[in-house]
């Protein structure tokens, strides 16, 4: 939403922190499975094998927004304060 409204993206430090990105539904399903199958004191690791550097995610969001705004004038009209609206 920050990118759409022309506000800075919250990238902390140099943005080189690595995170494993996971769909919310997949994460919720994993929580449910561990609750159903867990033994007291057991530890589970849930991951999506989709590790990315935070700055890479921010750059991907900006690239995709640029592409979408270039292709669809209605999006430019809805978010005029987005830098992608101004090219």
Protein backbone atom coordinates (compact mmCIF):
# COMPACT_ATOMS: atom_id res chain seq x y z
CA UNK A 1 0.00 0.00 0.00
CA UNK A 2 2.89 2.34 0.69
CA UNK A 3 4.14 1.95 -2.87
CA UNK A 4 0.68 2.62 -4.30
CA UNK A 5 0.36 5.80 -2.27
CA UNK A 6 3.84 7.12 -3.03
CA UNK A 7 5.15 6.56 0.49
CA UNK A 8 8.55 5.03 1.31
CA UNK A 9 8.72 1.26 1.61
CA UNK A 10 9.78 0.12 5.09
CA UNK A 11 13.09 -1.55 4.34
CA UNK A 12 15.18 -1.91 7.48
CA UNK A 13 18.92 -1.49 7.47
CA UNK A 14 20.43 -2.52 4.16
CA UNK A 15 17.52 -4.84 3.34
CA UNK A 16 19.79 -7.88 3.18
CA UNK A 17 17.88 -9.86 5.82
CA UNK A 18 16.71 -13.22 4.47
CA UNK A 19 13.13 -14.35 5.03
CA UNK A 20 11.27 -17.47 3.96
CA UNK A 21 8.10 -16.32 2.22
CA UNK A 22 5.00 -18.46 2.68
CA UNK A 23 1.36 -18.08 1.65
CA UNK A 24 -0.88 -17.28 4.62
CA UNK A 25 -3.22 -20.18 3.81
CA UNK A 26 -0.29 -22.60 3.75
CA UNK A 27 0.97 -21.33 7.07
CA UNK A 28 -2.48 -21.65 8.65
CA UNK A 29 -2.80 -25.20 7.30
CA UNK A 30 0.57 -26.09 8.82
CA UNK A 31 -0.49 -24.70 12.20
CA UNK A 32 -3.65 -26.79 12.06
CA UNK A 33 -1.72 -29.93 11.19
CA UNK A 34 0.74 -29.42 14.03
CA UNK A 35 -2.10 -28.85 16.50
CA UNK A 36 -3.79 -32.06 15.37
CA UNK A 37 -0.64 -34.20 15.27
CA UNK A 38 1.62 -32.65 17.85
CA UNK A 39 2.99 -34.17 20.98
CA UNK A 40 3.53 -31.90 23.95
CA UNK A 41 6.97 -30.29 23.76
CA UNK A 42 7.49 -31.16 20.08
CA UNK A 43 9.05 -28.54 17.81
CA UNK A 44 8.00 -27.98 14.20
CA UNK A 45 9.64 -25.87 11.51
CA UNK A 46 7.29 -24.51 8.89
CA UNK A 47 8.81 -23.09 5.72
CA UNK A 48 8.12 -22.63 2.07
CA UNK A 49 11.64 -23.07 0.70
CA UNK A 50 11.24 -19.61 -0.80
CA UNK A 51 14.00 -17.67 0.92
CA UNK A 52 14.49 -14.17 -0.42
CA UNK A 53 16.43 -11.10 0.63
CA UNK A 54 14.04 -8.36 1.78
CA UNK A 55 15.36 -5.76 -0.66
CA UNK A 56 14.69 -8.22 -3.51
CA UNK A 57 11.03 -8.38 -2.49
CA UNK A 58 10.77 -4.58 -2.42
CA UNK A 59 12.38 -4.35 -5.87
CA UNK A 60 10.04 -7.03 -7.25
CA UNK A 61 7.00 -5.14 -5.94
CA UNK A 62 8.20 -1.92 -7.58
CA UNK A 63 8.98 -3.65 -10.89
CA UNK A 64 5.57 -5.30 -11.02
CA UNK A 65 3.81 -2.06 -10.14
CA UNK A 66 5.71 -0.23 -12.89
CA UNK A 67 4.64 -2.88 -15.40
CA UNK A 68 1.00 -2.87 -14.28
CA UNK A 69 0.76 0.93 -14.34
CA UNK A 70 2.30 1.03 -17.82
CA UNK A 71 -0.26 -1.48 -19.10
CA UNK A 72 -3.44 -0.19 -17.43
CA UNK A 73 -4.44 3.49 -17.43
CA UNK A 74 -7.28 2.82 -15.00
CA UNK A 75 -4.75 1.88 -12.33
CA UNK A 76 -2.90 5.15 -12.92
CA UNK A 77 -6.17 7.00 -12.37
CA UNK A 78 -6.87 5.18 -9.10
CA UNK A 79 -3.41 5.83 -7.64
CA UNK A 80 -2.16 9.15 -9.05
CA UNK A 81 0.30 9.64 -6.18
CA UNK A 82 2.17 6.42 -7.01
CA UNK A 83 5.53 7.15 -8.69
CA UNK A 84 4.60 4.55 -11.34
CA UNK A 85 1.67 6.79 -12.35
CA UNK A 86 4.14 9.47 -13.33
CA UNK A 87 6.34 7.06 -15.25
